[in-house]
């Protein structure tokens, strides 16, 4: 699926289209700095019924949110340098005990997901708009 975002309200259309497609509890979010990964997450969690305030987990590495369907964990792996650091934060336990895990900057961990079903979303900030691809 592909989308084009020109204004912030367009994120709602993306979420409306993606929600019925979310079948796995892992969503990888890829995109450059300022692409809109956290903005998308804010829209998604609101639509999943979470009343929690959604912030970027840049410094905390993982944020936990409540939803009527269960726990949602939002990761930012940008500052992690290797796979050992990812395991040190206990990522496997989060994955095993969540309704959904949203992972920004997943490249350091992505190879470990071989054989596991997950979704991937790429946001490309062109300067004029955001081009989104969802698998």
Protein backbone atom coordinates (compact mmCIF):
# COMPACT_ATOMS: atom_id res chain seq x y z
CA UNK A 1 0.00 0.00 0.00
CA UNK A 2 1.19 3.50 -0.77
CA UNK A 3 0.07 6.90 0.48
CA UNK A 4 1.01 10.53 0.06
CA UNK A 5 0.77 12.93 3.01
CA UNK A 6 0.57 16.65 2.29
CA UNK A 7 -0.98 17.90 5.54
CA UNK A 8 -1.19 16.54 9.07
CA UNK A 9 -4.87 15.57 8.69
CA UNK A 10 -3.86 13.10 5.96
CA UNK A 11 -2.36 10.84 8.63
CA UNK A 12 -5.90 9.89 9.66
CA UNK A 13 -6.59 8.51 6.17
CA UNK A 14 -3.43 6.42 6.40
CA UNK A 15 -4.42 5.02 9.80
CA UNK A 16 -7.97 4.31 8.57
CA UNK A 17 -6.52 2.26 5.72
CA UNK A 18 -3.86 0.46 7.77
CA UNK A 19 -5.83 -0.55 10.85
CA UNK A 20 -7.72 -3.37 9.11
CA UNK A 21 -4.40 -4.61 7.69
CA UNK A 22 -2.56 -4.88 11.04
CA UNK A 23 -2.40 -8.63 11.59
CA UNK A 24 0.94 -8.93 13.43
CA UNK A 25 2.11 -7.42 16.72
CA UNK A 26 5.28 -5.87 15.26
CA UNK A 27 5.35 -2.73 13.12
CA UNK A 28 8.71 -1.43 11.91
CA UNK A 29 8.79 2.30 11.14
CA UNK A 30 11.54 3.49 8.85
CA UNK A 31 12.26 7.01 7.72
CA UNK A 32 14.69 9.85 8.07
CA UNK A 33 14.69 12.31 10.97
CA UNK A 34 11.51 14.36 11.00
CA UNK A 35 9.71 12.08 8.56
CA UNK A 36 6.67 11.68 10.80
CA UNK A 37 7.16 8.34 12.55
CA UNK A 38 6.02 9.64 15.93
CA UNK A 39 3.19 11.67 14.38
CA UNK A 40 1.92 8.51 12.70
CA UNK A 41 2.20 6.67 16.04
CA UNK A 42 0.13 9.38 17.75
CA UNK A 43 -2.67 8.97 15.21
CA UNK A 44 -2.47 5.17 15.35
CA UNK A 45 -2.65 4.94 19.15
CA UNK A 46 -5.55 7.38 19.32
CA UNK A 47 -7.44 5.18 16.85
CA UNK A 48 -6.59 2.09 18.92
CA UNK A 49 -8.35 3.72 21.86
CA UNK A 50 -5.30 4.80 23.85
CA UNK A 51 -5.79 7.93 25.92
CA UNK A 52 -2.09 8.16 26.77
CA UNK A 53 0.06 11.05 25.59
CA UNK A 54 2.35 9.75 22.85
CA UNK A 55 5.90 11.09 22.74
CA UNK A 56 9.02 10.08 20.89
CA UNK A 57 11.00 7.46 22.84
CA UNK A 58 14.31 8.90 21.61
CA UNK A 59 15.83 9.19 25.08
CA UNK A 60 13.87 6.55 26.97
CA UNK A 61 14.32 4.01 24.12
CA UNK A 62 10.89 2.51 24.88
CA UNK A 63 7.56 4.04 25.89
CA UNK A 64 4.63 2.00 27.17
CA UNK A 65 1.02 2.85 26.35
CA UNK A 66 -2.30 1.34 27.36
CA UNK A 67 -5.09 0.51 24.96
CA UNK A 68 -8.34 -1.44 25.27
CA UNK A 69 -6.66 -4.25 23.29
CA UNK A 70 -3.56 -4.43 25.49
CA UNK A 71 -0.11 -2.93 25.98
CA UNK A 72 1.56 -1.05 23.16
CA UNK A 73 5.31 -0.52 23.25
CA UNK A 74 6.95 2.20 21.15
CA UNK A 75 10.70 1.80 20.59
CA UNK A 76 13.33 4.09 19.16
CA UNK A 77 16.48 2.08 18.44
CA UNK A 78 18.37 4.99 16.84
CA UNK A 79 20.97 5.27 19.62
CA UNK A 80 21.59 1.53 19.96
CA UNK A 81 24.84 0.54 18.32
CA UNK A 82 24.54 -3.24 18.06
CA UNK A 83 22.23 -6.19 18.56
CA UNK A 84 23.57 -6.86 22.07
CA UNK A 85 22.25 -3.47 23.22
CA UNK A 86 18.84 -4.33 21.75
CA UNK A 87 18.72 -7.57 23.73
CA UNK A 88 19.95 -5.72 26.85
CA UNK A 89 16.74 -3.65 26.89
CA UNK A 90 14.73 -6.88 26.96
CA UNK A 91 13.06 -6.48 23.59
CA UNK A 92 11.98 -10.13 23.44
CA UNK A 93 9.94 -9.81 26.63
CA UNK A 94 8.22 -6.70 25.27
CA UNK A 95 7.40 -8.51 22.02
CA UNK A 96 6.02 -11.50 23.91
CA UNK A 97 3.79 -9.37 26.17
CA UNK A 98 2.27 -6.80 23.85
CA UNK A 99 -0.71 -6.16 21.69
CA UNK A 100 1.59 -4.11 19.43
CA UNK A 101 5.27 -3.13 19.29
CA UNK A 102 6.11 -0.14 17.13
CA UNK A 103 9.84 0.02 16.40
CA UNK A 104 11.41 3.18 14.98
CA UNK A 105 14.90 2.86 13.48
CA UNK A 106 14.65 -0.96 13.43
CA UNK A 107 17.66 -1.61 11.21
CA UNK A 108 19.90 -2.78 14.09
CA UNK A 109 17.31 -5.43 14.99
CA UNK A 110 15.61 -6.30 11.71
CA UNK A 111 17.78 -9.33 10.84
CA UNK A 112 16.69 -10.95 14.12
CA UNK A 113 13.10 -11.00 12.88
CA UNK A 114 13.83 -13.61 10.22
CA UNK A 115 10.95 -16.08 10.20
CA UNK A 116 8.70 -13.83 12.31
CA UNK A 117 5.68 -12.10 10.79
CA UNK A 118 5.75 -8.32 11.02
CA UNK A 119 4.68 -5.20 9.17
CA UNK A 120 7.01 -2.57 7.78
CA UNK A 121 6.26 1.05 6.97
CA UNK A 122 8.64 3.49 5.31
CA UNK A 123 8.08 7.24 5.40
CA UNK A 124 10.07 9.32 2.95
CA UNK A 125 10.05 13.07 3.61
CA UNK A 126 10.44 14.71 0.21
CA UNK A 127 10.30 18.21 1.66
CA UNK A 128 6.94 18.86 -0.01
CA UNK A 129 5.14 15.77 1.25
CA UNK A 130 5.62 12.36 2.81
CA UNK A 131 5.55 9.25 0.68
CA UNK A 132 4.52 6.18 2.62
CA UNK A 133 4.88 2.52 1.77
CA UNK A 134 3.29 -0.16 3.96
CA UNK A 135 3.97 -3.91 3.68
